[in-house]
């Protein structure tokens, strides 16, 4: 066996690193194949990771960065404040969803299991799933009127869901008695527990093959390697200071915009991000905890630097994040946080905006920057409650290398499409439209990507609608002369033809049979002067119906628009 102490064999180290990533992916596949809800099985709103014995993230699956960048914070909070490391036993499963114990929001239930080999704890494996409902004041647990976290659903402190391999059925049933879709919650929780078993066995095999000491040394070296790569990426950026202000529409309970301000100081191999100047925490459920804010910061930095920096706890070491207490980016208990992605996406936009002043050609125009979350509560003819939960996306910003992608999930949440055929088979809705919105991308030398429209009719006798949207007031900005992307909207068309425009953040809106809900998402901002756009690109857009002749003539010149239309 090769000795993996200082002077570690680099080939063996890379084999172990990839084996740990593979273990995370095995857990991910297990959840995908065994889960029950559409939000997990189809939208893939879940994550898996492997941690060292101290709770540092070592390896993760290719799932949701906003989860993965914060799971280690949650685990370390559990270890520091609730269940010390020495009390973890072989076969234990620790569960929590508490945002004030290092979690995200109540819908995201996290589970962790230690890995023991010959009586020694060598690692911890973890999973996180967004559950379709965890109770609270609205179906889907996005309650726009919430002013306290207590109104958002059942709050699970860090506790043992299983002890020495034996499931605590009392805790399990308590959770199921507080949700609207217990059958799906049961299935998704069982999928998480099964995935932990898969991960535990995979990591234990590695420890037996290479030795516990060798695996521990390899994990430490993996963290150090990521730190070195992150420092090298930062060193390649020019030194300097830059600031950016981003405005969020509102908190759903007032019309006052929410200010996000970040000041970046980059010097050598380190970077500091200071959010002083951001708004105080708000009454509505869009506040962020520090773990959430930092996850968006880390995502933005890794995305901006590019390259092959392994995402783990090591690459966060050169990054300092300053968050004023009691602010929108560091809310104090018991502020509601269910719709935290409203702000979280925009934190990433603010960081990108500041970085664009330091490295202008590296950063694209703004993307749609919101998880368009909505939930429809209905009942079957037999009286059984059903919750249709979905997440939509929009357009990416144009960039120095080309046009922005259309209707593509941002890497911060990295969700996938829920097929309309599957939705129609499971819920009492019929889809009327689903496609790209012409003219929604911002004009530029490189156009912003297009938003999408998703429109469905309620076929049940009644239903109630909840949603957490954004970009109804402040569109995605363009850069270097590019135009803004489109605004978002949500309307209900009634059977008599009348229409009702809805606010961006709602809960409990009554719907009747035949009502048609139309969701239109934002396109991305444009990059560069529209006058410099290649006529061949304009012709392609016209031929594909991405831009109308009228808009092409207005944005890119009458001659270009009419000529290409002809």
Protein backbone atom coordinates (compact mmCIF):
# COMPACT_ATOMS: atom_id res chain seq x y z
CA UNK A 1 0.00 0.00 0.00
CA UNK A 2 1.30 3.44 -0.90
CA UNK A 3 1.81 5.71 2.12
CA UNK A 4 -0.50 8.72 1.85
CA UNK A 5 1.26 10.97 4.33
CA UNK A 6 3.15 14.16 3.33
CA UNK A 7 4.72 13.22 0.05
CA UNK A 8 1.37 11.70 -0.98
CA UNK A 9 1.43 9.87 -4.29
CA UNK A 10 -0.50 12.24 -6.59
CA UNK A 11 -1.95 9.45 -8.71
CA UNK A 12 -3.31 7.60 -5.70
CA UNK A 13 -4.62 10.88 -4.31
CA UNK A 14 -6.54 11.59 -7.52
CA UNK A 15 -7.94 8.05 -7.52
CA UNK A 16 -9.25 8.56 -3.97
CA UNK A 17 -10.65 12.02 -4.78
CA UNK A 18 -12.61 10.66 -7.72
CA UNK A 19 -13.75 7.64 -5.70
CA UNK A 20 -15.20 10.01 -3.09
CA UNK A 21 -16.99 11.96 -5.82
CA UNK A 22 -18.28 8.65 -7.19
CA UNK A 23 -19.64 7.78 -3.74
CA UNK A 24 -21.54 11.08 -3.74
CA UNK A 25 -22.90 10.31 -7.20
CA UNK A 26 -23.99 6.83 -6.10
CA UNK A 27 -26.01 8.45 -3.31
CA UNK A 28 -27.48 10.90 -5.81
CA UNK A 29 -28.57 8.12 -8.17
CA UNK A 30 -30.13 6.23 -5.27
CA UNK A 31 -32.32 9.21 -4.35
CA UNK A 32 -33.25 9.80 -7.98
CA UNK A 33 -34.33 6.19 -8.51
CA UNK A 34 -36.18 5.65 -5.22
CA UNK A 35 -37.81 9.01 -4.42
CA UNK A 36 -41.55 9.62 -4.78
CA UNK A 37 -42.23 13.31 -5.32
CA UNK A 38 -41.92 15.17 -8.61
CA UNK A 39 -39.81 17.89 -6.99
CA UNK A 40 -37.13 15.29 -6.15
CA UNK A 41 -37.54 12.68 -8.88
CA UNK A 42 -38.17 15.01 -11.84
CA UNK A 43 -36.93 18.51 -10.86
CA UNK A 44 -33.94 16.92 -9.04
CA UNK A 45 -34.06 19.35 -6.13
CA UNK A 46 -31.73 17.36 -3.89
CA UNK A 47 -28.02 17.00 -3.12
CA UNK A 48 -25.55 14.48 -1.69
CA UNK A 49 -22.03 14.85 -0.29
CA UNK A 50 -19.20 13.20 1.62
CA UNK A 51 -17.57 14.95 4.61
CA UNK A 52 -14.45 14.20 6.60
CA UNK A 53 -14.71 13.16 10.23
CA UNK A 54 -14.69 16.83 11.33
CA UNK A 55 -17.59 17.84 9.04
CA UNK A 56 -15.67 19.46 6.16
CA UNK A 57 -17.18 18.92 2.72
CA UNK A 58 -14.74 16.72 0.76
CA UNK A 59 -16.71 15.60 -2.29
CA UNK A 60 -20.16 16.23 -3.73
CA UNK A 61 -22.45 15.16 -6.54
CA UNK A 62 -23.26 17.34 -9.53
CA UNK A 63 -26.51 18.60 -8.04
CA UNK A 64 -27.54 21.88 -6.35
CA UNK A 65 -24.68 24.29 -5.51
CA UNK A 66 -26.83 26.34 -3.14
CA UNK A 67 -27.30 23.16 -1.09
CA UNK A 68 -23.79 21.81 -1.34
CA UNK A 69 -22.02 25.04 -0.45
CA UNK A 70 -23.92 25.20 2.84
CA UNK A 71 -24.30 21.55 3.98
CA UNK A 72 -20.95 21.66 5.75
CA UNK A 73 -22.08 24.72 7.73
CA UNK A 74 -25.15 22.80 8.85
CA UNK A 75 -23.12 19.75 9.84
CA UNK A 76 -20.58 21.78 11.82
CA UNK A 77 -23.43 23.61 13.61
CA UNK A 78 -24.88 20.25 14.63
CA UNK A 79 -21.49 19.11 15.91
CA UNK A 80 -20.76 22.35 17.78
CA UNK A 81 -24.15 23.07 19.31
CA UNK A 82 -26.30 19.94 19.42
CA UNK A 83 -24.74 16.48 19.03
CA UNK A 84 -20.97 16.43 19.62
CA UNK A 85 -18.90 14.23 17.35
CA UNK A 86 -18.01 11.79 20.13
CA UNK A 87 -21.72 11.01 20.64
CA UNK A 88 -22.27 9.85 17.05
CA UNK A 89 -22.55 6.07 16.81
CA UNK A 90 -22.41 3.59 13.96
CA UNK A 91 -25.83 3.45 12.30
CA UNK A 92 -27.04 6.83 13.59
CA UNK A 93 -28.95 9.09 11.21
CA UNK A 94 -29.14 12.75 12.24
CA UNK A 95 -31.90 14.88 10.72
CA UNK A 96 -32.71 18.60 10.69
CA UNK A 97 -34.36 21.25 8.55
CA UNK A 98 -33.88 24.20 10.91
CA UNK A 99 -32.51 27.29 9.13
CA UNK A 100 -31.29 28.60 12.48
CA UNK A 101 -29.28 25.44 13.09
CA UNK A 102 -27.30 25.79 9.87
CA UNK A 103 -30.07 24.65 7.51
CA UNK A 104 -31.60 26.28 4.44
CA UNK A 105 -35.37 26.59 4.78
CA UNK A 106 -37.86 24.20 6.33
CA UNK A 107 -38.62 22.40 3.05
CA UNK A 108 -34.98 21.25 2.80
CA UNK A 109 -34.56 18.27 5.13
CA UNK A 110 -30.94 17.25 5.69
CA UNK A 111 -29.75 13.87 6.96
CA UNK A 112 -26.26 12.76 8.00
CA UNK A 113 -24.73 9.40 8.86
CA UNK A 114 -21.24 8.65 10.24
CA UNK A 115 -18.93 6.13 8.57
CA UNK A 116 -17.16 3.79 11.00
CA UNK A 117 -14.45 1.26 10.14
CA UNK A 118 -13.16 -1.05 12.87
CA UNK A 119 -14.70 1.20 15.49
CA UNK A 120 -13.11 4.38 14.12
CA UNK A 121 -15.11 7.20 12.62
CA UNK A 122 -13.50 8.04 9.25
CA UNK A 123 -16.12 10.21 7.51
CA UNK A 124 -19.73 11.41 7.41
CA UNK A 125 -22.13 11.18 4.48
CA UNK A 126 -25.06 13.53 3.93
CA UNK A 127 -28.16 14.12 1.86
CA UNK A 128 -30.53 17.05 1.39
CA UNK A 129 -33.94 16.88 -0.29
CA UNK A 130 -36.49 19.60 -0.94
CA UNK A 131 -39.75 18.08 0.27
CA UNK A 132 -42.93 19.06 -1.53
CA UNK A 133 -44.62 20.18 1.71
CA UNK A 134 -43.61 20.50 5.36
CA UNK A 135 -46.82 22.09 6.64
CA UNK A 136 -47.26 25.78 7.41
CA UNK A 137 -49.72 28.34 6.14
CA UNK A 138 -49.68 27.44 2.44
CA UNK A 139 -49.50 24.34 0.29
CA UNK A 140 -45.90 23.71 -0.68
CA UNK A 141 -44.87 25.61 2.50
CA UNK A 142 -44.22 28.90 0.71
CA UNK A 143 -46.49 31.14 2.80
CA UNK A 144 -46.16 34.70 1.51
CA UNK A 145 -47.88 36.16 4.60
CA UNK A 146 -45.45 34.55 7.07
CA UNK A 147 -43.75 36.90 9.53
CA UNK A 148 -42.11 34.18 11.64
CA UNK A 149 -40.42 30.89 10.78
CA UNK A 150 -43.03 29.11 12.95
CA UNK A 151 -45.65 29.84 10.27
CA UNK A 152 -43.65 28.12 7.55
CA UNK A 153 -43.98 24.50 8.63
CA UNK A 154 -42.64 21.94 11.06
CA UNK A 155 -39.21 22.88 12.43
CA UNK A 156 -36.95 19.90 13.14
CA UNK A 157 -34.05 20.52 15.51
CA UNK A 158 -30.99 18.30 14.99
CA UNK A 159 -32.00 14.90 16.40
CA UNK A 160 -31.57 11.17 15.76
CA UNK A 161 -33.93 9.83 13.10
CA UNK A 162 -32.20 6.49 13.60
CA UNK A 163 -30.02 5.25 16.46
CA UNK A 164 -27.50 2.43 15.93
CA UNK A 165 -29.34 1.47 12.77
CA UNK A 166 -32.84 1.41 14.32
CA UNK A 167 -35.34 3.90 12.92
CA UNK A 168 -37.06 6.16 15.45
CA UNK A 169 -40.57 5.56 14.20
CA UNK A 170 -42.08 8.07 16.60
CA UNK A 171 -40.04 10.91 15.07
CA UNK A 172 -40.75 9.60 11.58
CA UNK A 173 -44.51 9.55 12.11
CA UNK A 174 -44.49 12.93 13.86
CA UNK A 175 -43.01 14.44 10.69
CA UNK A 176 -45.56 12.72 8.46
CA UNK A 177 -48.47 13.95 10.57
CA UNK A 178 -47.48 17.55 9.92
CA UNK A 179 -47.35 17.56 6.11
CA UNK A 180 -49.93 17.66 3.33
CA UNK A 181 -48.39 14.87 1.22
CA UNK A 182 -47.34 12.20 3.76
CA UNK A 183 -47.04 9.44 1.16
CA UNK A 184 -44.51 11.40 -0.87
CA UNK A 185 -42.67 12.67 2.20
CA UNK A 186 -42.37 9.10 3.49
CA UNK A 187 -40.96 7.94 0.18
CA UNK A 188 -38.48 10.80 -0.13
CA UNK A 189 -37.24 10.38 3.48
CA UNK A 190 -36.76 6.67 2.90
CA UNK A 191 -34.81 7.52 -0.27
CA UNK A 192 -32.52 9.78 1.76
CA UNK A 193 -31.92 7.06 4.37
CA UNK A 194 -31.22 4.48 1.66
CA UNK A 195 -28.75 6.84 -0.02
CA UNK A 196 -26.89 7.32 3.26
CA UNK A 197 -26.45 3.55 3.45
CA UNK A 198 -25.04 3.46 -0.07
CA UNK A 199 -22.61 6.27 0.72
CA UNK A 200 -21.56 4.74 4.04
CA UNK A 201 -20.67 1.43 2.38
CA UNK A 202 -18.78 3.11 -0.46
CA UNK A 203 -16.61 5.22 1.85
CA UNK A 204 -16.04 2.29 4.24
CA UNK A 205 -14.75 0.20 1.31
CA UNK A 206 -12.21 2.94 0.58
CA UNK A 207 -11.08 3.07 4.20
CA UNK A 208 -10.58 -0.71 4.26
CA UNK A 209 -8.75 -0.69 0.95
CA UNK A 210 -6.33 2.17 1.66
CA UNK A 211 -6.40 2.27 5.47
CA UNK A 212 -8.16 4.77 7.71
CA UNK A 213 -5.01 6.83 8.27
CA UNK A 214 -4.33 7.00 4.55
CA UNK A 215 -7.91 8.03 3.75
CA UNK A 216 -7.80 10.75 6.43
CA UNK A 217 -4.53 12.08 5.03
CA UNK A 218 -5.95 12.03 1.51
CA UNK A 219 -9.01 14.02 2.60
CA UNK A 220 -6.79 16.67 4.18
CA UNK A 221 -4.70 16.84 1.02
CA UNK A 222 -7.85 17.23 -1.12
CA UNK A 223 -8.90 20.25 0.93
CA UNK A 224 -5.42 21.76 0.69
CA UNK A 225 -5.35 21.18 -3.06
CA UNK A 226 -8.65 23.00 -3.59
CA UNK A 227 -7.43 25.88 -1.48
CA UNK A 228 -4.28 26.19 -3.60
CA UNK A 229 -6.30 26.16 -6.83
CA UNK A 230 -8.70 28.79 -5.47
CA UNK A 231 -5.82 31.01 -4.44
CA UNK A 232 -4.25 30.64 -7.86
CA UNK A 233 -7.54 31.58 -9.53
CA UNK A 234 -7.88 34.66 -7.34
CA UNK A 235 -4.26 35.65 -7.91
CA UNK A 236 -4.93 35.71 -11.66
CA UNK A 237 -7.55 38.45 -11.17
CA UNK A 238 -6.43 42.09 -10.97
CA UNK A 239 -6.25 43.50 -7.45
CA UNK A 240 -8.74 46.18 -6.59
CA UNK A 241 -12.02 47.20 -4.99
CA UNK A 242 -15.47 47.25 -6.54
CA UNK A 243 -19.06 47.69 -5.36
CA UNK A 244 -22.47 46.83 -6.75
CA UNK A 245 -26.07 47.43 -5.68
CA UNK A 246 -28.90 45.11 -6.71
CA UNK A 247 -32.58 45.77 -5.96
CA UNK A 248 -35.09 43.02 -5.17
CA UNK A 249 -38.75 43.79 -5.99
CA UNK A 250 -40.22 43.39 -2.49
CA UNK A 251 -40.79 40.93 0.36
CA UNK A 252 -44.38 40.17 -0.63
CA UNK A 253 -45.83 42.21 2.23
CA UNK A 254 -44.87 45.72 1.18
CA UNK A 255 -43.85 47.45 -2.03
CA UNK A 256 -40.51 48.60 -0.68
CA UNK A 257 -37.53 47.32 -2.69
CA UNK A 258 -34.85 45.35 -0.88
CA UNK A 259 -31.29 46.62 -1.28
CA UNK A 260 -28.36 44.25 -1.67
CA UNK A 261 -24.99 45.97 -1.59
CA UNK A 262 -21.64 44.22 -1.79
CA UNK A 263 -18.14 45.66 -1.72
CA UNK A 264 -15.38 43.38 -2.97
CA UNK A 265 -11.76 43.82 -1.98
CA UNK A 266 -9.45 41.53 -3.90
CA UNK A 267 -5.78 41.44 -2.92
CA UNK A 268 -3.32 38.79 -3.97
CA UNK A 269 -4.66 35.31 -3.28
CA UNK A 270 -7.54 36.38 -1.03
CA UNK A 271 -10.87 38.14 -1.43
CA UNK A 272 -13.25 39.85 1.01
CA UNK A 273 -16.93 40.52 0.35
CA UNK A 274 -18.66 43.01 2.65
CA UNK A 275 -22.46 43.33 2.56
CA UNK A 276 -22.70 46.40 4.80
CA UNK A 277 -25.27 48.72 3.25
CA UNK A 278 -27.75 45.92 2.52
CA UNK A 279 -31.31 46.31 3.80
CA UNK A 280 -32.30 45.22 7.30
CA UNK A 281 -34.18 41.94 7.51
CA UNK A 282 -37.77 42.20 6.34
CA UNK A 283 -41.15 41.02 7.58
CA UNK A 284 -41.79 38.75 4.61
CA UNK A 285 -40.28 35.28 4.07
CA UNK A 286 -37.35 36.21 1.80
CA UNK A 287 -34.63 36.61 4.45
CA UNK A 288 -31.31 34.80 4.29
CA UNK A 289 -29.29 33.10 7.01
CA UNK A 290 -25.48 33.33 6.82
CA UNK A 291 -25.15 29.79 5.45
CA UNK A 292 -27.46 30.69 2.57
CA UNK A 293 -25.73 33.97 1.75
CA UNK A 294 -22.30 32.40 1.80
CA UNK A 295 -23.49 29.58 -0.48
CA UNK A 296 -24.47 32.16 -3.13
CA UNK A 297 -21.15 33.98 -2.71
CA UNK A 298 -19.14 30.78 -3.13
CA UNK A 299 -21.17 29.80 -6.19
CA UNK A 300 -20.60 33.19 -7.84
CA UNK A 301 -16.86 33.11 -7.18
CA UNK A 302 -16.42 29.56 -8.46
CA UNK A 303 -18.51 30.31 -11.54
CA UNK A 304 -16.55 33.50 -12.25
CA UNK A 305 -13.14 31.88 -11.81
CA UNK A 306 -14.02 28.86 -13.91
CA UNK A 307 -11.50 26.08 -14.37
CA UNK A 308 -11.49 22.80 -12.52
CA UNK A 309 -11.39 23.90 -8.89
CA UNK A 310 -12.91 21.01 -6.88
CA UNK A 311 -15.81 22.43 -4.88
CA UNK A 312 -15.23 21.55 -1.24
CA UNK A 313 -14.54 23.26 2.07
CA UNK A 314 -10.94 23.90 1.11
CA UNK A 315 -11.69 26.33 -1.69
CA UNK A 316 -13.66 28.58 0.68
CA UNK A 317 -10.64 29.26 2.91
CA UNK A 318 -9.33 32.31 0.97
CA UNK A 319 -12.80 33.92 1.06
CA UNK A 320 -13.95 36.27 3.83
CA UNK A 321 -17.64 37.24 3.91
CA UNK A 322 -18.82 40.06 6.21
CA UNK A 323 -22.56 40.04 6.97
CA UNK A 324 -24.21 42.67 9.21
CA UNK A 325 -26.39 41.04 11.87
CA UNK A 326 -30.13 41.56 11.55
CA UNK A 327 -29.84 42.27 7.82
CA UNK A 328 -31.48 40.66 4.82
CA UNK A 329 -28.29 38.61 4.31
CA UNK A 330 -27.94 37.60 7.99
CA UNK A 331 -31.41 37.54 9.50
CA UNK A 332 -32.02 37.02 13.20
CA UNK A 333 -34.33 34.36 14.60
CA UNK A 334 -37.29 33.97 14.12
CA UNK A 335 -37.41 35.77 10.74
CA UNK A 336 -39.20 33.77 8.02
CA UNK A 337 -36.93 32.38 5.27
CA UNK A 338 -38.99 30.02 3.08
CA UNK A 339 -38.55 32.17 -0.05
CA UNK A 340 -34.87 32.78 0.57
CA UNK A 341 -34.00 32.10 -3.09
CA UNK A 342 -35.71 35.40 -3.97
CA UNK A 343 -32.74 37.13 -2.36
CA UNK A 344 -30.15 34.40 -2.79
CA UNK A 345 -30.09 34.52 -6.58
CA UNK A 346 -29.74 38.29 -6.42
CA UNK A 347 -26.79 38.00 -4.04
CA UNK A 348 -25.06 36.08 -6.81
CA UNK A 349 -26.03 38.82 -9.28
CA UNK A 350 -24.58 41.49 -6.96
CA UNK A 351 -21.31 39.58 -6.63
CA UNK A 352 -21.15 39.12 -10.41
CA UNK A 353 -21.83 42.83 -10.84
CA UNK A 354 -18.94 43.82 -8.59
CA UNK A 355 -16.62 41.26 -10.20
CA UNK A 356 -17.48 42.71 -13.62
CA UNK A 357 -15.68 45.90 -12.60
CA UNK A 358 -12.55 43.90 -11.84
CA UNK A 359 -12.73 41.42 -14.74
CA UNK A 360 -15.19 42.96 -17.25
CA UNK A 361 -14.92 40.41 -20.08
CA UNK A 362 -15.27 37.43 -17.75
CA UNK A 363 -18.73 38.23 -16.36
CA UNK A 364 -21.95 37.89 -18.41
CA UNK A 365 -25.02 40.11 -18.25
CA UNK A 366 -27.57 39.33 -15.54
CA UNK A 367 -29.64 36.16 -15.75
CA UNK A 368 -33.29 35.71 -14.66
CA UNK A 369 -32.09 35.22 -11.03
CA UNK A 370 -35.08 33.67 -9.29
CA UNK A 371 -36.42 30.18 -8.65
CA UNK A 372 -39.97 30.60 -9.97
CA UNK A 373 -41.63 28.45 -7.31
CA UNK A 374 -45.36 27.81 -7.31
CA UNK A 375 -47.67 25.29 -5.65
CA UNK A 376 -51.26 24.35 -6.45
CA UNK A 377 -53.36 22.66 -3.77
CA UNK A 378 -56.34 20.64 -5.00
CA UNK A 379 -58.41 17.62 -4.04
CA UNK A 380 -59.19 14.48 -5.99
CA UNK A 381 -62.84 13.46 -6.55
CA UNK A 382 -62.32 11.07 -3.62
CA UNK A 383 -61.40 13.99 -1.38
CA UNK A 384 -57.67 13.29 -1.17
CA UNK A 385 -55.47 16.39 -1.02
CA UNK A 386 -52.87 16.87 -3.74
CA UNK A 387 -50.07 19.45 -4.06
CA UNK A 388 -48.64 20.20 -7.49
CA UNK A 389 -45.26 21.88 -6.90
CA UNK A 390 -43.06 23.24 -9.67
CA UNK A 391 -40.02 25.44 -10.28
CA UNK A 392 -39.50 27.40 -13.50
CA UNK A 393 -36.43 29.10 -14.95
CA UNK A 394 -35.64 31.86 -17.44
CA UNK A 395 -32.94 33.24 -19.72
CA UNK A 396 -29.23 33.68 -19.13
CA UNK A 397 -27.35 36.87 -19.88
CA UNK A 398 -25.33 37.37 -23.05
CA UNK A 399 -21.57 37.04 -22.61
CA UNK A 400 -18.36 37.83 -24.44
CA UNK A 401 -18.45 34.51 -26.25
CA UNK A 402 -22.04 34.48 -27.47
CA UNK A 403 -25.76 34.73 -26.75
CA UNK A 404 -27.23 33.72 -23.42
CA UNK A 405 -28.88 30.31 -23.05
CA UNK A 406 -32.67 30.27 -23.17
CA UNK A 407 -34.83 28.72 -20.43
CA UNK A 408 -31.84 27.08 -18.76
CA UNK A 409 -31.59 26.53 -15.02
CA UNK A 410 -28.92 28.63 -13.35
CA UNK A 411 -26.13 26.65 -11.72
CA UNK A 412 -27.07 28.08 -8.33
CA UNK A 413 -30.18 25.91 -8.24
CA UNK A 414 -29.48 23.57 -11.20
CA UNK A 415 -33.02 22.16 -11.49
CA UNK A 416 -34.48 20.26 -14.40
CA UNK A 417 -37.79 20.35 -16.25
CA UNK A 418 -40.87 18.58 -14.92
CA UNK A 419 -42.40 17.01 -18.07
CA UNK A 420 -45.89 18.31 -18.67
CA UNK A 421 -47.13 14.83 -19.63
CA UNK A 422 -46.13 13.52 -16.21
CA UNK A 423 -47.71 16.50 -14.44
CA UNK A 424 -50.99 16.07 -16.33
CA UNK A 425 -51.08 12.36 -15.47
CA UNK A 426 -50.67 13.05 -11.76
CA UNK A 427 -52.57 16.29 -11.15
CA UNK A 428 -55.89 17.79 -12.37
CA UNK A 429 -54.33 20.31 -14.77
CA UNK A 430 -54.09 20.58 -18.55
CA UNK A 431 -51.24 22.49 -20.18
CA UNK A 432 -52.20 25.05 -22.80
CA UNK A 433 -48.75 26.47 -23.63
CA UNK A 434 -45.13 25.75 -22.84
CA UNK A 435 -42.34 27.41 -24.79
CA UNK A 436 -39.95 30.32 -25.26
CA UNK A 437 -41.12 33.94 -25.23
CA UNK A 438 -40.02 35.88 -28.34
CA UNK A 439 -38.28 39.23 -27.68
CA UNK A 440 -37.70 38.43 -24.00
CA UNK A 441 -33.89 38.41 -24.23
CA UNK A 442 -32.09 41.74 -23.83
CA UNK A 443 -30.68 43.26 -27.01
CA UNK A 444 -26.92 43.35 -27.49
CA UNK A 445 -24.00 42.36 -29.63
CA UNK A 446 -24.74 39.08 -27.88
CA UNK A 447 -28.41 38.74 -27.04
CA UNK A 448 -29.77 37.59 -23.69
CA UNK A 449 -31.39 34.17 -23.51
CA UNK A 450 -35.18 33.91 -23.71
CA UNK A 451 -37.58 33.37 -20.85
CA UNK A 452 -40.40 30.86 -21.06
CA UNK A 453 -44.16 30.72 -20.73
CA UNK A 454 -45.87 27.85 -18.91
CA UNK A 455 -49.65 27.94 -18.94
CA UNK A 456 -52.07 25.43 -17.46
CA UNK A 457 -55.80 25.09 -16.81
CA UNK A 458 -57.28 23.85 -13.55
CA UNK A 459 -59.59 20.89 -14.18
CA UNK A 460 -60.58 20.20 -10.57
CA UNK A 461 -63.58 21.89 -8.97
CA UNK A 462 -61.32 24.25 -7.01
CA UNK A 463 -57.76 24.92 -5.95
CA UNK A 464 -55.53 27.43 -4.20
CA UNK A 465 -52.32 28.87 -5.65
CA UNK A 466 -49.16 30.03 -3.91
CA UNK A 467 -46.03 31.42 -5.56
CA UNK A 468 -42.70 33.11 -4.84
CA UNK A 469 -41.60 34.98 -7.96
CA UNK A 470 -39.43 37.99 -8.77
CA UNK A 471 -38.43 40.35 -11.58
CA UNK A 472 -41.85 41.98 -11.81
CA UNK A 473 -40.22 45.41 -11.32
CA UNK A 474 -36.46 45.17 -11.89
CA UNK A 475 -35.42 43.29 -15.05
CA UNK A 476 -32.06 41.52 -15.52
CA UNK A 477 -29.55 44.21 -16.46
CA UNK A 478 -27.39 44.27 -19.56
CA UNK A 479 -23.68 45.08 -19.60
CA UNK A 480 -21.35 47.05 -21.89
CA UNK A 481 -24.28 48.71 -23.64
CA UNK A 482 -26.59 45.68 -23.75
CA UNK A 483 -30.29 46.06 -23.02
CA UNK A 484 -32.24 44.56 -20.10
CA UNK A 485 -34.11 41.29 -20.28
CA UNK A 486 -37.88 41.13 -19.97
CA UNK A 487 -39.91 41.37 -16.79
CA UNK A 488 -41.78 38.39 -15.34
CA UNK A 489 -45.52 38.12 -14.84
CA UNK A 490 -48.26 35.82 -13.59
CA UNK A 491 -51.92 36.05 -14.56
CA UNK A 492 -55.15 34.11 -14.19
CA UNK A 493 -57.57 34.04 -17.13
CA UNK A 494 -61.08 33.14 -16.03
CA UNK A 495 -63.58 31.13 -18.10
CA UNK A 496 -65.49 34.34 -18.97
CA UNK A 497 -62.33 35.77 -20.56
CA UNK A 498 -61.51 38.26 -17.81
CA UNK A 499 -57.95 38.37 -16.51
CA UNK A 500 -56.43 38.95 -13.08
CA UNK A 501 -52.80 40.03 -12.75
CA UNK A 502 -51.20 38.53 -9.65
CA UNK A 503 -48.44 39.90 -7.44
CA UNK A 504 -45.04 38.24 -7.47
CA UNK A 505 -45.45 36.63 -4.04
CA UNK A 506 -48.83 35.15 -3.16
CA UNK A 507 -50.43 32.40 -1.11
CA UNK A 508 -53.93 30.98 -0.86
CA UNK A 509 -55.23 32.55 -4.09
CA UNK A 510 -58.51 30.72 -4.86
CA UNK A 511 -58.91 29.15 -8.31
CA UNK A 512 -62.01 27.67 -9.91
CA UNK A 513 -62.44 25.00 -12.54
CA UNK A 514 -61.46 26.37 -15.95
CA UNK A 515 -59.16 29.09 -14.63
CA UNK A 516 -55.95 29.32 -16.67
CA UNK A 517 -52.70 30.28 -14.91
CA UNK A 518 -50.00 31.85 -17.10
CA UNK A 519 -46.43 32.14 -15.83
CA UNK A 520 -44.00 34.22 -17.93
CA UNK A 521 -40.35 34.26 -16.81
CA UNK A 522 -37.63 36.82 -17.51
CA UNK A 523 -35.10 36.71 -20.30
CA UNK A 524 -31.44 37.51 -19.67
CA UNK A 525 -29.71 40.83 -20.22
CA UNK A 526 -27.76 41.66 -23.36
CA UNK A 527 -23.97 41.96 -23.69
CA UNK A 528 -22.45 44.75 -25.77
CA UNK A 529 -23.76 47.38 -28.18
CA UNK A 530 -26.76 46.10 -30.19
CA UNK A 531 -25.46 48.03 -33.21
CA UNK A 532 -22.55 45.60 -33.37
CA UNK A 533 -24.70 42.47 -33.59
CA UNK A 534 -23.80 40.22 -36.50
CA UNK A 535 -26.54 40.37 -39.18
CA UNK A 536 -26.30 36.59 -39.48
CA UNK A 537 -27.32 36.26 -35.84
CA UNK A 538 -30.28 38.59 -36.42
CA UNK A 539 -31.33 36.50 -39.41
CA UNK A 540 -31.11 33.33 -37.34
CA UNK A 541 -33.21 34.85 -34.55
CA UNK A 542 -35.88 35.90 -37.05
CA UNK A 543 -35.94 32.52 -38.75
CA UNK A 544 -36.30 30.71 -35.43
CA UNK A 545 -38.94 33.10 -34.08
CA UNK A 546 -36.72 34.21 -31.20
CA UNK A 547 -37.11 37.87 -32.17
CA UNK A 548 -40.07 39.38 -34.03
CA UNK A 549 -39.50 41.53 -37.13
CA UNK A 550 -40.83 44.57 -35.28
CA UNK A 551 -38.39 44.16 -32.41
CA UNK A 552 -35.49 43.40 -34.76
CA UNK A 553 -36.21 46.63 -36.62
CA UNK A 554 -36.49 48.64 -33.41
CA UNK A 555 -33.50 47.19 -31.59
CA UNK A 556 -31.07 46.50 -34.40
CA UNK A 557 -32.08 49.00 -37.08
CA UNK A 558 -34.94 49.20 -39.53
CA UNK A 559 -32.84 48.04 -42.47
CA UNK A 560 -31.55 44.97 -40.68
CA UNK A 561 -34.94 44.04 -39.29
CA UNK A 562 -36.98 44.44 -42.48
CA UNK A 563 -34.29 42.96 -44.72
CA UNK A 564 -33.90 39.83 -42.65
CA UNK A 565 -37.63 39.48 -42.19
CA UNK A 566 -38.03 39.48 -45.97
